[in-house]
């Protein structure tokens, strides 16, 4: 189990790789689509990447709540840490 900071850093690393952006562009309040240039296909890819990386399943309700980097981090953390 990762602590919260390690988990956030891993989420950021995966976003950098998937969206091909600079880490400095990413803040917890950054909107994945509007601010970071993600599209709906990349959003689906990100969910699959997070599921693979953390060996979790993110349900559709949780996916619907994810708009920002902080939202993504919170949802992954909730699943991992219960």
Protein backbone atom coordinates (compact mmCIF):
# COMPACT_ATOMS: atom_id res chain seq x y z
CA UNK A 1 0.00 0.00 0.00
CA UNK A 2 1.32 3.41 -0.95
CA UNK A 3 1.03 6.45 1.27
CA UNK A 4 -0.99 9.37 -0.04
CA UNK A 5 2.01 11.33 -1.39
CA UNK A 6 3.44 8.30 -3.20
CA UNK A 7 0.01 7.57 -4.64
CA UNK A 8 -0.38 11.14 -5.91
CA UNK A 9 3.10 11.06 -7.48
CA UNK A 10 2.27 7.80 -9.25
CA UNK A 11 -1.00 9.27 -10.57
CA UNK A 12 0.92 12.32 -11.84
CA UNK A 13 3.58 10.13 -13.47
CA UNK A 14 0.91 8.14 -15.30
CA UNK A 15 -0.82 11.35 -16.45
CA UNK A 16 2.49 12.72 -17.77
CA UNK A 17 3.08 9.51 -19.73
CA UNK A 18 -0.47 9.15 -21.10
CA UNK A 19 -1.10 12.81 -21.95
CA UNK A 20 2.48 13.50 -23.03
CA UNK A 21 2.70 16.66 -20.94
CA UNK A 22 5.20 18.22 -18.56
CA UNK A 23 4.83 17.41 -14.86
CA UNK A 24 4.89 21.14 -14.08
CA UNK A 25 1.53 21.54 -15.86
CA UNK A 26 -0.19 19.26 -13.35
CA UNK A 27 -1.83 20.60 -10.19
CA UNK A 28 -4.49 18.86 -8.06
CA UNK A 29 -7.11 21.31 -9.38
CA UNK A 30 -6.11 20.79 -13.05
CA UNK A 31 -9.04 19.58 -15.14
CA UNK A 32 -7.84 16.54 -17.06
CA UNK A 33 -9.66 17.50 -20.25
CA UNK A 34 -9.87 21.31 -20.13
CA UNK A 35 -6.49 22.14 -18.58
CA UNK A 36 -4.35 19.16 -19.58
CA UNK A 37 -5.73 18.54 -23.06
CA UNK A 38 -7.06 15.04 -22.49
CA UNK A 39 -9.90 13.72 -24.60
CA UNK A 40 -12.59 11.12 -23.94
CA UNK A 41 -10.51 8.29 -25.39
CA UNK A 42 -7.56 9.22 -23.18
CA UNK A 43 -9.92 9.37 -20.19
CA UNK A 44 -10.89 5.75 -20.82
CA UNK A 45 -7.23 4.85 -21.29
CA UNK A 46 -6.34 6.57 -18.01
CA UNK A 47 -8.93 4.55 -16.13
CA UNK A 48 -7.51 1.32 -17.57
CA UNK A 49 -3.96 2.42 -16.80
CA UNK A 50 -4.89 3.25 -13.18
CA UNK A 51 -6.67 -0.09 -12.83
CA UNK A 52 -3.60 -1.96 -14.13
CA UNK A 53 -1.08 0.06 -12.14
CA UNK A 54 -2.87 -0.29 -8.82
CA UNK A 55 -4.64 -3.62 -9.46
CA UNK A 56 -8.06 -2.11 -8.77
CA UNK A 57 -11.42 -1.75 -10.50
CA UNK A 58 -12.85 1.74 -10.90
CA UNK A 59 -16.63 1.61 -11.27
CA UNK A 60 -18.59 3.82 -13.65
CA UNK A 61 -19.93 6.02 -10.82
CA UNK A 62 -16.38 6.80 -9.69
CA UNK A 63 -15.30 7.51 -13.27
CA UNK A 64 -18.16 9.99 -13.57
CA UNK A 65 -16.87 11.90 -10.54
CA UNK A 66 -13.39 12.35 -11.98
CA UNK A 67 -12.73 15.70 -13.63
CA UNK A 68 -9.54 16.95 -12.01
CA UNK A 69 -6.23 15.37 -11.05
CA UNK A 70 -7.31 15.65 -7.41
CA UNK A 71 -10.57 13.82 -8.18
CA UNK A 72 -8.64 11.00 -9.83
CA UNK A 73 -6.24 10.77 -6.91
CA UNK A 74 -9.13 10.73 -4.40
CA UNK A 75 -11.04 7.99 -6.21
CA UNK A 76 -7.96 5.76 -6.60
CA UNK A 77 -7.02 6.39 -2.96
CA UNK A 78 -10.55 5.54 -1.79
CA UNK A 79 -10.44 2.20 -3.61
CA UNK A 80 -6.94 1.30 -2.46
CA UNK A 81 -7.28 2.42 1.16
CA UNK A 82 -10.94 1.57 1.63
